[in-house]
Amino acid sequence: MDEQPVVPDNLKLGESGEKRYILRLFVTGASPNSIRAITNTKNICEKYLNGRYELEIIDVHQQPFIAASEDLIAIPMLMRKFPLPERRMIGDMSDTDKVLRGLELKKQEE
């Protein structure tokens, strides 16, 4: 059974008392796709999660042990570690609506 991470109370809420997000973005060096994913993810976080997110960018070549522990299936991959449940999104994060739905910041259109 997978153990869920224990998140300290001070990381659960942002400064305004809203839900805080803990994200990990896995990339491969300075490839064009990785650069786009980093730029797009940072822009989305600043616009929609300003002041209430933590983004860790992990280069799988530089930190292979972290990458191996996460069972990555493709790169770039954005993981929402918190709030639970964990969510994963693949690609350069250029489709803002899709990323917002993946982060559960926007409702799925019907």
N, C-alpha and C. Protein backbone atom coordinates (compact mmCIF):
# COMPACT_ATOMS: atom_id res chain seq x y z
N MET A 1 0.84 -1.17 0.00
CA MET A 1 0.00 0.00 0.00
C MET A 1 0.89 1.23 0.00
N ASP A 2 0.57 2.23 -0.85
CA ASP A 2 1.34 3.46 -0.92
C ASP A 2 1.06 4.30 0.31
N GLU A 3 2.13 4.82 0.89
CA GLU A 3 1.97 5.71 2.03
C GLU A 3 1.78 7.12 1.52
N GLN A 4 0.81 7.83 2.06
CA GLN A 4 0.58 9.21 1.69
C GLN A 4 1.54 10.09 2.49
N PRO A 5 2.09 11.14 1.87
CA PRO A 5 3.01 12.01 2.60
C PRO A 5 2.31 12.74 3.72
N VAL A 6 3.04 12.94 4.80
CA VAL A 6 2.52 13.72 5.91
C VAL A 6 2.88 15.17 5.62
N VAL A 7 1.88 16.02 5.55
CA VAL A 7 2.10 17.43 5.22
C VAL A 7 1.89 18.25 6.48
N PRO A 8 2.95 18.99 6.89
CA PRO A 8 2.79 19.83 8.08
C PRO A 8 1.66 20.84 7.90
N ASP A 9 0.99 21.17 9.01
CA ASP A 9 -0.15 22.10 8.96
C ASP A 9 0.21 23.43 8.33
N ASN A 10 1.46 23.91 8.53
CA ASN A 10 1.82 25.21 7.98
C ASN A 10 1.96 25.20 6.47
N LEU A 11 1.97 24.03 5.84
CA LEU A 11 2.02 23.94 4.38
C LEU A 11 0.65 23.71 3.76
N LYS A 12 -0.36 23.45 4.57
CA LYS A 12 -1.68 23.13 4.03
C LYS A 12 -2.44 24.37 3.56
N LEU A 13 -2.16 25.53 4.15
CA LEU A 13 -2.88 26.74 3.79
C LEU A 13 -1.90 27.84 3.42
N GLY A 14 -2.25 28.62 2.40
CA GLY A 14 -1.46 29.76 1.99
C GLY A 14 -1.69 30.93 2.93
N GLU A 15 -1.05 32.05 2.62
CA GLU A 15 -1.15 33.24 3.46
C GLU A 15 -2.59 33.71 3.63
N SER A 16 -3.41 33.53 2.60
CA SER A 16 -4.79 34.01 2.67
C SER A 16 -5.73 32.96 3.27
N GLY A 17 -5.18 31.84 3.74
CA GLY A 17 -6.01 30.79 4.30
C GLY A 17 -6.55 29.83 3.27
N GLU A 18 -6.18 30.02 1.99
CA GLU A 18 -6.62 29.13 0.92
C GLU A 18 -5.71 27.90 0.85
N LYS A 19 -6.21 26.86 0.18
CA LYS A 19 -5.46 25.63 -0.01
C LYS A 19 -4.10 25.90 -0.62
N ARG A 20 -3.06 25.26 -0.11
CA ARG A 20 -1.70 25.39 -0.62
C ARG A 20 -1.41 24.18 -1.51
N TYR A 21 -0.63 24.40 -2.57
CA TYR A 21 -0.31 23.35 -3.53
C TYR A 21 1.17 23.03 -3.48
N ILE A 22 1.49 21.74 -3.46
CA ILE A 22 2.87 21.28 -3.54
C ILE A 22 2.99 20.53 -4.85
N LEU A 23 3.86 21.05 -5.73
CA LEU A 23 3.99 20.53 -7.09
C LEU A 23 5.43 20.12 -7.37
N ARG A 24 5.57 19.10 -8.21
CA ARG A 24 6.87 18.67 -8.71
C ARG A 24 6.80 18.60 -10.22
N LEU A 25 7.77 19.23 -10.89
CA LEU A 25 7.85 19.18 -12.34
C LEU A 25 9.12 18.44 -12.71
N PHE A 26 8.95 17.32 -13.41
CA PHE A 26 10.08 16.51 -13.86
C PHE A 26 10.41 16.87 -15.30
N VAL A 27 11.68 17.20 -15.55
CA VAL A 27 12.14 17.59 -16.88
C VAL A 27 13.44 16.86 -17.22
N THR A 28 13.86 17.00 -18.48
CA THR A 28 15.13 16.42 -18.93
C THR A 28 16.04 17.53 -19.42
N GLY A 29 16.85 18.05 -18.53
CA GLY A 29 17.83 19.07 -18.89
C GLY A 29 17.19 20.32 -19.48
N ALA A 30 17.89 20.88 -20.48
CA ALA A 30 17.45 22.13 -21.10
C ALA A 30 16.84 21.89 -22.48
N SER A 31 16.16 20.77 -22.64
CA SER A 31 15.50 20.49 -23.92
C SER A 31 14.40 21.52 -24.15
N PRO A 32 14.06 21.78 -25.42
CA PRO A 32 13.01 22.76 -25.70
C PRO A 32 11.69 22.44 -24.99
N ASN A 33 11.31 21.18 -24.96
CA ASN A 33 10.07 20.77 -24.29
C ASN A 33 10.14 21.05 -22.79
N SER A 34 11.29 20.78 -22.19
CA SER A 34 11.47 21.03 -20.76
C SER A 34 11.41 22.52 -20.44
N ILE A 35 12.07 23.33 -21.26
CA ILE A 35 12.06 24.79 -21.05
C ILE A 35 10.64 25.32 -21.15
N ARG A 36 9.87 24.85 -22.15
CA ARG A 36 8.47 25.28 -22.28
C ARG A 36 7.66 24.87 -21.06
N ALA A 37 7.87 23.62 -20.60
CA ALA A 37 7.12 23.13 -19.44
C ALA A 37 7.43 23.97 -18.20
N ILE A 38 8.68 24.31 -18.00
CA ILE A 38 9.07 25.12 -16.84
C ILE A 38 8.43 26.50 -16.92
N THR A 39 8.56 27.14 -18.08
CA THR A 39 8.00 28.48 -18.27
C THR A 39 6.49 28.49 -18.10
N ASN A 40 5.82 27.55 -18.76
CA ASN A 40 4.35 27.49 -18.68
C ASN A 40 3.88 27.20 -17.27
N THR A 41 4.54 26.27 -16.59
CA THR A 41 4.14 25.91 -15.22
C THR A 41 4.32 27.09 -14.28
N LYS A 42 5.47 27.77 -14.38
CA LYS A 42 5.70 28.94 -13.52
C LYS A 42 4.66 30.02 -13.78
N ASN A 43 4.34 30.26 -15.05
CA ASN A 43 3.34 31.29 -15.39
C ASN A 43 1.97 30.94 -14.82
N ILE A 44 1.56 29.68 -14.96
CA ILE A 44 0.27 29.23 -14.43
C ILE A 44 0.25 29.37 -12.91
N CYS A 45 1.33 28.95 -12.25
CA CYS A 45 1.39 29.03 -10.79
C CYS A 45 1.32 30.47 -10.31
N GLU A 46 2.04 31.36 -10.96
CA GLU A 46 2.03 32.77 -10.54
C GLU A 46 0.66 33.40 -10.76
N LYS A 47 0.01 33.04 -11.85
CA LYS A 47 -1.29 33.65 -12.15
C LYS A 47 -2.42 33.08 -11.29
N TYR A 48 -2.45 31.76 -11.10
CA TYR A 48 -3.60 31.12 -10.45
C TYR A 48 -3.34 30.65 -9.01
N LEU A 49 -2.07 30.55 -8.61
CA LEU A 49 -1.76 30.07 -7.26
C LEU A 49 -0.82 31.01 -6.52
N ASN A 50 -0.77 32.24 -6.92
CA ASN A 50 0.18 33.20 -6.38
C ASN A 50 0.19 33.20 -4.85
N GLY A 51 1.37 32.93 -4.27
CA GLY A 51 1.52 32.95 -2.82
C GLY A 51 1.07 31.70 -2.11
N ARG A 52 0.61 30.70 -2.85
CA ARG A 52 0.13 29.49 -2.16
C ARG A 52 0.55 28.21 -2.87
N TYR A 53 1.78 28.21 -3.36
CA TYR A 53 2.30 27.00 -3.99
C TYR A 53 3.79 26.86 -3.72
N GLU A 54 4.24 25.62 -3.82
CA GLU A 54 5.65 25.29 -3.76
C GLU A 54 5.91 24.45 -5.00
N LEU A 55 6.84 24.87 -5.85
CA LEU A 55 7.16 24.16 -7.08
C LEU A 55 8.60 23.70 -7.03
N GLU A 56 8.78 22.40 -7.14
CA GLU A 56 10.11 21.80 -7.18
C GLU A 56 10.34 21.30 -8.61
N ILE A 57 11.40 21.78 -9.24
CA ILE A 57 11.74 21.35 -10.60
C ILE A 57 12.87 20.34 -10.49
N ILE A 58 12.62 19.15 -11.03
CA ILE A 58 13.56 18.05 -10.90
C ILE A 58 14.03 17.61 -12.29
N ASP A 59 15.33 17.74 -12.52
CA ASP A 59 15.94 17.25 -13.76
C ASP A 59 16.26 15.77 -13.53
N VAL A 60 15.64 14.90 -14.30
CA VAL A 60 15.80 13.46 -14.08
C VAL A 60 17.23 12.99 -14.31
N HIS A 61 18.02 13.74 -15.09
CA HIS A 61 19.42 13.37 -15.29
C HIS A 61 20.27 13.74 -14.07
N GLN A 62 19.89 14.80 -13.38
CA GLN A 62 20.65 15.27 -12.22
C GLN A 62 20.21 14.58 -10.93
N GLN A 63 18.94 14.18 -10.87
CA GLN A 63 18.40 13.55 -9.66
C GLN A 63 17.67 12.25 -10.03
N PRO A 64 18.40 11.26 -10.54
CA PRO A 64 17.75 10.03 -11.01
C PRO A 64 17.04 9.23 -9.92
N PHE A 65 17.51 9.33 -8.67
CA PHE A 65 16.89 8.55 -7.60
C PHE A 65 15.48 9.06 -7.29
N ILE A 66 15.31 10.38 -7.31
CA ILE A 66 13.97 10.93 -7.08
C ILE A 66 13.05 10.52 -8.22
N ALA A 67 13.55 10.64 -9.44
CA ALA A 67 12.75 10.26 -10.62
C ALA A 67 12.36 8.79 -10.56
N ALA A 68 13.28 7.93 -10.19
CA ALA A 68 13.00 6.49 -10.13
C ALA A 68 11.94 6.17 -9.07
N SER A 69 11.92 6.93 -8.00
CA SER A 69 10.97 6.65 -6.92
C SER A 69 9.55 7.08 -7.26
N GLU A 70 9.36 7.85 -8.32
CA GLU A 70 8.05 8.38 -8.67
C GLU A 70 7.35 7.62 -9.80
N ASP A 71 7.95 6.58 -10.34
CA ASP A 71 7.33 5.79 -11.42
C ASP A 71 6.88 6.67 -12.58
N LEU A 72 7.80 7.45 -13.11
CA LEU A 72 7.48 8.35 -14.22
C LEU A 72 7.20 7.54 -15.48
N ILE A 73 6.21 8.00 -16.25
CA ILE A 73 5.88 7.31 -17.49
C ILE A 73 6.22 8.16 -18.72
N ALA A 74 6.39 9.46 -18.52
CA ALA A 74 6.76 10.36 -19.61
C ALA A 74 7.30 11.65 -18.98
N ILE A 75 8.04 12.40 -19.79
CA ILE A 75 8.61 13.66 -19.31
C ILE A 75 8.46 14.68 -20.41
N PRO A 76 8.14 15.92 -20.12
CA PRO A 76 7.91 16.52 -18.81
C PRO A 76 6.62 16.02 -18.16
N MET A 77 6.67 15.96 -16.83
CA MET A 77 5.50 15.55 -16.06
C MET A 77 5.37 16.45 -14.84
N LEU A 78 4.16 16.99 -14.66
CA LEU A 78 3.85 17.80 -13.49
C LEU A 78 3.04 16.94 -12.53
N MET A 79 3.48 16.88 -11.28
CA MET A 79 2.77 16.12 -10.25
C MET A 79 2.26 17.08 -9.19
N ARG A 80 1.00 16.92 -8.87
CA ARG A 80 0.44 17.64 -7.73
C ARG A 80 0.53 16.67 -6.56
N LYS A 81 1.44 16.97 -5.63
CA LYS A 81 1.63 16.11 -4.46
C LYS A 81 0.62 16.43 -3.37
N PHE A 82 0.23 17.69 -3.29
CA PHE A 82 -0.75 18.13 -2.30
C PHE A 82 -1.50 19.30 -2.88
N PRO A 83 -2.79 19.42 -2.72
CA PRO A 83 -3.66 18.57 -1.91
C PRO A 83 -3.87 17.20 -2.55
N LEU A 84 -4.14 16.26 -1.69
CA LEU A 84 -4.41 14.89 -2.13
C LEU A 84 -5.77 14.82 -2.80
N PRO A 85 -6.04 13.92 -3.70
CA PRO A 85 -5.14 12.88 -4.16
C PRO A 85 -4.10 13.45 -5.13
N GLU A 86 -3.00 12.73 -5.23
CA GLU A 86 -1.94 13.11 -6.15
C GLU A 86 -2.47 13.08 -7.58
N ARG A 87 -2.05 14.04 -8.38
CA ARG A 87 -2.45 14.10 -9.79
C ARG A 87 -1.20 14.23 -10.65
N ARG A 88 -1.26 13.72 -11.88
CA ARG A 88 -0.12 13.79 -12.81
C ARG A 88 -0.59 14.32 -14.16
N MET A 89 0.23 15.20 -14.73
CA MET A 89 -0.05 15.75 -16.06
C MET A 89 1.21 15.66 -16.89
N ILE A 90 1.06 15.27 -18.14
CA ILE A 90 2.19 15.07 -19.03
C ILE A 90 2.16 16.11 -20.14
N GLY A 91 3.34 16.60 -20.53
CA GLY A 91 3.44 17.53 -21.64
C GLY A 91 4.11 18.82 -21.25
N ASP A 92 4.06 19.80 -22.16
CA ASP A 92 4.76 21.07 -21.91
C ASP A 92 3.89 22.09 -21.17
N MET A 93 2.73 21.69 -20.72
CA MET A 93 1.80 22.51 -19.93
C MET A 93 1.34 23.75 -20.69
N SER A 94 1.31 23.66 -22.02
CA SER A 94 0.89 24.80 -22.83
C SER A 94 -0.63 24.95 -22.89
N ASP A 95 -1.36 23.89 -22.57
CA ASP A 95 -2.83 23.96 -22.54
C ASP A 95 -3.26 24.35 -21.12
N THR A 96 -3.36 25.65 -20.89
CA THR A 96 -3.64 26.16 -19.55
C THR A 96 -4.92 25.59 -18.97
N ASP A 97 -5.99 25.51 -19.76
CA ASP A 97 -7.25 24.96 -19.26
C ASP A 97 -7.08 23.52 -18.78
N LYS A 98 -6.34 22.72 -19.52
CA LYS A 98 -6.11 21.33 -19.15
C LYS A 98 -5.30 21.24 -17.85
N VAL A 99 -4.30 22.10 -17.70
CA VAL A 99 -3.50 22.11 -16.47
C VAL A 99 -4.37 22.54 -15.29
N LEU A 100 -5.19 23.57 -15.48
CA LEU A 100 -6.08 24.03 -14.41
C LEU A 100 -7.06 22.94 -13.99
N ARG A 101 -7.58 22.19 -14.95
CA ARG A 101 -8.48 21.07 -14.62
C ARG A 101 -7.69 19.99 -13.87
N GLY A 102 -6.46 19.72 -14.31
CA GLY A 102 -5.62 18.71 -13.66
C GLY A 102 -5.29 19.09 -12.22
N LEU A 103 -5.12 20.37 -11.99
CA LEU A 103 -4.85 20.85 -10.63
C LEU A 103 -6.13 21.01 -9.83
N GLU A 104 -7.26 20.79 -10.49
CA GLU A 104 -8.59 20.96 -9.92
C GLU A 104 -8.83 22.40 -9.49
N LEU A 105 -8.34 23.33 -10.31
CA LEU A 105 -8.61 24.75 -10.12
C LEU A 105 -9.75 25.21 -11.02
N LYS A 106 -10.13 24.35 -11.95
CA LYS A 106 -11.20 24.66 -12.88
C LYS A 106 -12.02 23.40 -13.07
N LYS A 107 -13.32 23.54 -13.08
CA LYS A 107 -14.21 22.39 -13.26
C LYS A 107 -14.14 21.86 -14.68
N GLN A 108 -14.29 20.56 -14.81
CA GLN A 108 -14.34 19.91 -16.13
C GLN A 108 -15.56 20.42 -16.88
N GLU A 109 -15.32 20.89 -18.13
CA GLU A 109 -16.46 21.35 -18.93
C GLU A 109 -17.33 20.15 -19.31
N GLU A 110 -18.61 20.39 -19.36
CA GLU A 110 -19.56 19.31 -19.67
C GLU A 110 -19.80 19.19 -21.15
